[in-house]
Amino acid sequence: MPFESKAFPAQDALVAALTAARDEAGSAIAEWLVDYGIPARRAERHLWVDEQVEGWTQDQATSGLVSRHETFMLTVYLYARQTAATALTLRDEIKAAADVVADAIGATPFLGGSVLYAQMSAGEYDSAFADAEGRSREAVLKLTVSCTAFVA
């Protein structure tokens, strides 16, 4: 039996949904770079879907006409860096971008129809000074997206 999974199509659909959301007029992420995979260099406003798939479980393949499903988690990172910004300013910018990500994940059909169900299930936020002089701040929000899909 060939390897079957919706995890990789779901990653692609998430990148496409976030790119489309960025390109909408008045989008909170209009100035953000949307990417797939850990970037070699981060832009001042950078959003990427991590290439890693976690918590991947799948029903065992069987002979016959039995439907199978799988669950997995995708990760989205939102990174922002600003000179002379306060912690609150940076946090608010990250939160506005996270709202766009949540809307893209919750849009029907979920992730362009690649999965049966998707939801933001966890997150971590961290902020720090980006330089030794304390002139620039950076922040990152890691969002975990739990997905369920039918394989066959």
C-alpha atoms as a PDB file:
ATOM      1  CA  MET A   1       0.000   0.000   0.000  1.00  0.00           C
ATOM      2  CA  PRO A   2       1.331   3.487  -0.781  1.00  0.00           C
ATOM      3  CA  PHE A   3       1.967   6.066   1.916  1.00  0.00           C
ATOM      4  CA  GLU A   4      -1.163   8.167   2.308  1.00  0.00           C
ATOM      5  CA  SER A   5      -1.594  11.234   4.473  1.00  0.00           C
ATOM      6  CA  LYS A   6      -3.307  14.606   4.436  1.00  0.00           C
ATOM      7  CA  ALA A   7      -0.626  16.232   6.602  1.00  0.00           C
ATOM      8  CA  PHE A   8       1.471  17.570   3.734  1.00  0.00           C
ATOM      9  CA  PRO A   9      -1.521  18.817   1.705  1.00  0.00           C
ATOM     10  CA  ALA A  10      -2.784  20.473   4.917  1.00  0.00           C
ATOM     11  CA  GLN A  11       0.538  22.310   5.302  1.00  0.00           C
ATOM     12  CA  ASP A  12       0.311  23.514   1.699  1.00  0.00           C
ATOM     13  CA  ALA A  13      -3.318  24.568   2.169  1.00  0.00           C
ATOM     14  CA  LEU A  14      -2.434  26.485   5.332  1.00  0.00           C
ATOM     15  CA  VAL A  15       0.343  28.393   3.543  1.00  0.00           C
ATOM     16  CA  ALA A  16      -2.065  29.156   0.678  1.00  0.00           C
ATOM     17  CA  ALA A  17      -4.804  30.317   3.083  1.00  0.00           C
ATOM     18  CA  LEU A  18      -2.406  32.595   4.967  1.00  0.00           C
ATOM     19  CA  THR A  19      -1.025  34.015   1.713  1.00  0.00           C
ATOM     20  CA  ALA A  20      -4.568  34.733   0.511  1.00  0.00           C
ATOM     21  CA  ALA A  21      -5.414  36.363   3.857  1.00  0.00           C
ATOM     22  CA  ARG A  22      -2.309  38.550   3.593  1.00  0.00           C
ATOM     23  CA  ASP A  23      -3.287  39.674   0.109  1.00  0.00           C
ATOM     24  CA  GLU A  24      -6.789  40.820   1.143  1.00  0.00           C
ATOM     25  CA  ALA A  25      -7.288  44.582   1.273  1.00  0.00           C
ATOM     26  CA  GLY A  26      -6.784  45.977   4.754  1.00  0.00           C
ATOM     27  CA  SER A  27      -5.334  42.733   6.136  1.00  0.00           C
ATOM     28  CA  ALA A  28      -3.511  42.946   9.479  1.00  0.00           C
ATOM     29  CA  ILE A  29      -0.750  40.846   7.914  1.00  0.00           C
ATOM     30  CA  ALA A  30      -0.470  42.823   4.655  1.00  0.00           C
ATOM     31  CA  GLU A  31       3.196  43.625   5.380  1.00  0.00           C
ATOM     32  CA  TRP A  32       4.089  40.145   6.631  1.00  0.00           C
ATOM     33  CA  LEU A  33       6.175  37.592   4.748  1.00  0.00           C
ATOM     34  CA  VAL A  34       4.346  34.235   4.614  1.00  0.00           C
ATOM     35  CA  ASP A  35       6.564  31.185   4.224  1.00  0.00           C
ATOM     36  CA  TYR A  36       6.887  27.416   4.581  1.00  0.00           C
ATOM     37  CA  GLY A  37       9.673  26.004   6.742  1.00  0.00           C
ATOM     38  CA  ILE A  38      12.102  27.603   9.135  1.00  0.00           C
ATOM     39  CA  PRO A  39      13.468  30.706   7.404  1.00  0.00           C
ATOM     40  CA  ALA A  40      17.228  31.120   7.057  1.00  0.00           C
ATOM     41  CA  ARG A  41      16.678  34.818   7.814  1.00  0.00           C
ATOM     42  CA  ARG A  42      13.626  36.272   9.478  1.00  0.00           C
ATOM     43  CA  ALA A  43      12.034  39.396   8.105  1.00  0.00           C
ATOM     44  CA  GLU A  44      10.770  42.081  10.510  1.00  0.00           C
ATOM     45  CA  ARG A  45       7.294  40.586  10.176  1.00  0.00           C
ATOM     46  CA  HIS A  46       7.490  36.924   9.302  1.00  0.00           C
ATOM     47  CA  LEU A  47       4.895  34.190   9.513  1.00  0.00           C
ATOM     48  CA  TRP A  48       5.722  30.605   8.616  1.00  0.00           C
ATOM     49  CA  VAL A  49       4.214  27.132   8.714  1.00  0.00           C
ATOM     50  CA  ASP A  50       6.792  24.815  10.223  1.00  0.00           C
ATOM     51  CA  GLU A  51       7.774  21.791   8.171  1.00  0.00           C
ATOM     52  CA  GLN A  52       7.500  19.480  11.178  1.00  0.00           C
ATOM     53  CA  VAL A  53       4.337  17.429  11.717  1.00  0.00           C
ATOM     54  CA  GLU A  54       3.786  16.355  15.329  1.00  0.00           C
ATOM     55  CA  GLY A  55       1.485  13.925  17.115  1.00  0.00           C
ATOM     56  CA  TRP A  56       0.833  12.070  13.882  1.00  0.00           C
ATOM     57  CA  THR A  57      -1.431   9.054  14.357  1.00  0.00           C
ATOM     58  CA  GLN A  58      -3.232   7.093  11.706  1.00  0.00           C
ATOM     59  CA  ASP A  59      -5.602   4.117  11.675  1.00  0.00           C
ATOM     60  CA  GLN A  60      -3.913   0.944  10.510  1.00  0.00           C
ATOM     61  CA  ALA A  61      -4.278   0.058   6.851  1.00  0.00           C
ATOM     62  CA  THR A  62      -6.607  -2.864   6.236  1.00  0.00           C
ATOM     63  CA  SER A  63      -7.856  -4.729   3.244  1.00  0.00           C
ATOM     64  CA  GLY A  64     -11.423  -4.066   2.244  1.00  0.00           C
ATOM     65  CA  LEU A  65     -13.536  -0.942   2.192  1.00  0.00           C
ATOM     66  CA  VAL A  66     -12.902   0.547   5.600  1.00  0.00           C
ATOM     67  CA  SER A  67     -12.507   4.285   6.034  1.00  0.00           C
ATOM     68  CA  ARG A  68      -9.426   5.423   7.950  1.00  0.00           C
ATOM     69  CA  HIS A  69      -8.651   8.695   9.638  1.00  0.00           C
ATOM     70  CA  GLU A  70      -5.568  10.395  10.985  1.00  0.00           C
ATOM     71  CA  THR A  71      -4.771  13.156  13.419  1.00  0.00           C
ATOM     72  CA  PHE A  72      -1.741  15.426  13.425  1.00  0.00           C
ATOM     73  CA  MET A  73      -0.570  18.819  14.607  1.00  0.00           C
ATOM     74  CA  LEU A  74       0.902  21.606  12.490  1.00  0.00           C
ATOM     75  CA  THR A  75       2.771  24.606  13.867  1.00  0.00           C
ATOM     76  CA  VAL A  76       2.570  28.232  12.766  1.00  0.00           C
ATOM     77  CA  TYR A  77       5.112  30.809  13.947  1.00  0.00           C
ATOM     78  CA  LEU A  78       4.466  34.574  13.977  1.00  0.00           C
ATOM     79  CA  TYR A  79       7.616  36.630  14.434  1.00  0.00           C
ATOM     80  CA  ALA A  80       7.871  40.423  14.671  1.00  0.00           C
ATOM     81  CA  ARG A  81      10.798  42.756  15.323  1.00  0.00           C
ATOM     82  CA  GLN A  82      10.611  46.553  15.762  1.00  0.00           C
ATOM     83  CA  THR A  83      13.013  49.295  16.733  1.00  0.00           C
ATOM     84  CA  ALA A  84      11.865  51.565  19.588  1.00  0.00           C
ATOM     85  CA  ALA A  85       8.727  49.498  20.179  1.00  0.00           C
ATOM     86  CA  THR A  86       7.214  48.794  23.552  1.00  0.00           C
ATOM     87  CA  ALA A  87       6.407  45.262  24.665  1.00  0.00           C
ATOM     88  CA  LEU A  88       2.705  46.137  24.433  1.00  0.00           C
ATOM     89  CA  THR A  89       2.983  47.478  20.871  1.00  0.00           C
ATOM     90  CA  LEU A  90       4.720  44.325  19.696  1.00  0.00           C
ATOM     91  CA  ARG A  91       2.300  42.040  21.517  1.00  0.00           C
ATOM     92  CA  ASP A  92      -0.690  43.838  19.954  1.00  0.00           C
ATOM     93  CA  GLU A  93       0.808  43.460  16.482  1.00  0.00           C
ATOM     94  CA  ILE A  94       1.349  39.732  17.044  1.00  0.00           C
ATOM     95  CA  LYS A  95      -2.202  39.392  18.389  1.00  0.00           C
ATOM     96  CA  ALA A  96      -3.690  41.107  15.323  1.00  0.00           C
ATOM     97  CA  ALA A  97      -1.749  38.717  13.074  1.00  0.00           C
ATOM     98  CA  ALA A  98      -2.900  35.750  15.194  1.00  0.00           C
ATOM     99  CA  ASP A  99      -6.524  36.816  14.627  1.00  0.00           C
ATOM    100  CA  VAL A 100      -5.943  36.514  10.867  1.00  0.00           C
ATOM    101  CA  VAL A 101      -4.350  33.085  11.325  1.00  0.00           C
ATOM    102  CA  ALA A 102      -7.301  31.929  13.457  1.00  0.00           C
ATOM    103  CA  ASP A 103      -9.761  33.100  10.785  1.00  0.00           C
ATOM    104  CA  ALA A 104      -7.795  31.257   8.066  1.00  0.00           C
ATOM    105  CA  ILE A 105      -7.721  28.046  10.106  1.00  0.00           C
ATOM    106  CA  GLY A 106     -11.406  28.270  10.998  1.00  0.00           C
ATOM    107  CA  ALA A 107     -12.606  29.012   7.471  1.00  0.00           C
ATOM    108  CA  THR A 108     -14.900  26.420   5.932  1.00  0.00           C
ATOM    109  CA  PRO A 109     -13.962  24.060   4.426  1.00  0.00           C
ATOM    110  CA  PHE A 110     -11.095  23.564   6.850  1.00  0.00           C
ATOM    111  CA  LEU A 111      -7.739  24.213   5.157  1.00  0.00           C
ATOM    112  CA  GLY A 112      -9.241  24.154   1.702  1.00  0.00           C
ATOM    113  CA  GLY A 113     -10.965  20.826   2.312  1.00  0.00           C
ATOM    114  CA  SER A 114      -7.710  18.961   2.976  1.00  0.00           C
ATOM    115  CA  VAL A 115      -8.825  18.100   6.517  1.00  0.00           C
ATOM    116  CA  LEU A 116     -12.129  17.255   8.156  1.00  0.00           C
ATOM    117  CA  TYR A 117     -11.451  19.440  11.185  1.00  0.00           C
ATOM    118  CA  ALA A 118      -8.806  21.989  12.258  1.00  0.00           C
ATOM    119  CA  GLN A 119      -8.476  24.167  15.348  1.00  0.00           C
ATOM    120  CA  MET A 120      -5.848  26.179  17.188  1.00  0.00           C
ATOM    121  CA  SER A 121      -5.200  23.979  20.194  1.00  0.00           C
ATOM    122  CA  ALA A 122      -2.171  25.540  21.922  1.00  0.00           C
ATOM    123  CA  GLY A 123       0.159  28.487  21.840  1.00  0.00           C
ATOM    124  CA  GLU A 124       3.317  29.927  23.361  1.00  0.00           C
ATOM    125  CA  TYR A 125       4.401  33.566  23.339  1.00  0.00           C
ATOM    126  CA  ASP A 126       7.829  35.025  24.081  1.00  0.00           C
ATOM    127  CA  SER A 127       9.314  38.502  23.766  1.00  0.00           C
ATOM    128  CA  ALA A 128      12.852  39.830  24.218  1.00  0.00           C
ATOM    129  CA  PHE A 129      15.257  42.534  23.162  1.00  0.00           C
ATOM    130  CA  ALA A 130      16.724  41.794  19.739  1.00  0.00           C
ATOM    131  CA  ASP A 131      19.985  43.667  20.338  1.00  0.00           C
ATOM    132  CA  ALA A 132      22.372  44.182  23.247  1.00  0.00           C
ATOM    133  CA  GLU A 133      21.581  47.912  23.417  1.00  0.00           C
ATOM    134  CA  GLY A 134      17.872  47.332  23.978  1.00  0.00           C
ATOM    135  CA  ARG A 135      16.783  49.449  20.995  1.00  0.00           C
ATOM    136  CA  SER A 136      14.919  46.734  19.188  1.00  0.00           C
ATOM    137  CA  ARG A 137      12.351  44.250  20.469  1.00  0.00           C
ATOM    138  CA  GLU A 138      11.319  40.936  18.991  1.00  0.00           C
ATOM    139  CA  ALA A 139       8.448  38.601  19.769  1.00  0.00           C
ATOM    140  CA  VAL A 140       7.333  35.208  18.582  1.00  0.00           C
ATOM    141  CA  LEU A 141       4.033  33.391  18.918  1.00  0.00           C
ATOM    142  CA  LYS A 142       3.972  29.641  18.306  1.00  0.00           C
ATOM    143  CA  LEU A 143       0.508  28.306  17.464  1.00  0.00           C
ATOM    144  CA  THR A 144      -0.327  24.612  17.368  1.00  0.00           C
ATOM    145  CA  VAL A 145      -3.019  23.578  14.892  1.00  0.00           C
ATOM    146  CA  SER A 146      -4.681  20.214  15.613  1.00  0.00           C
ATOM    147  CA  CYS A 147      -6.121  18.478  12.540  1.00  0.00           C
ATOM    148  CA  THR A 148      -8.261  15.445  11.801  1.00  0.00           C
ATOM    149  CA  ALA A 149      -8.549  14.057   8.283  1.00  0.00           C
ATOM    150  CA  PHE A 150      -9.986  11.062   6.450  1.00  0.00           C
ATOM    151  CA  VAL A 151      -7.284   9.160   4.604  1.00  0.00           C
ATOM    152  CA  ALA A 152      -9.430   6.685   2.730  1.00  0.00           C
END
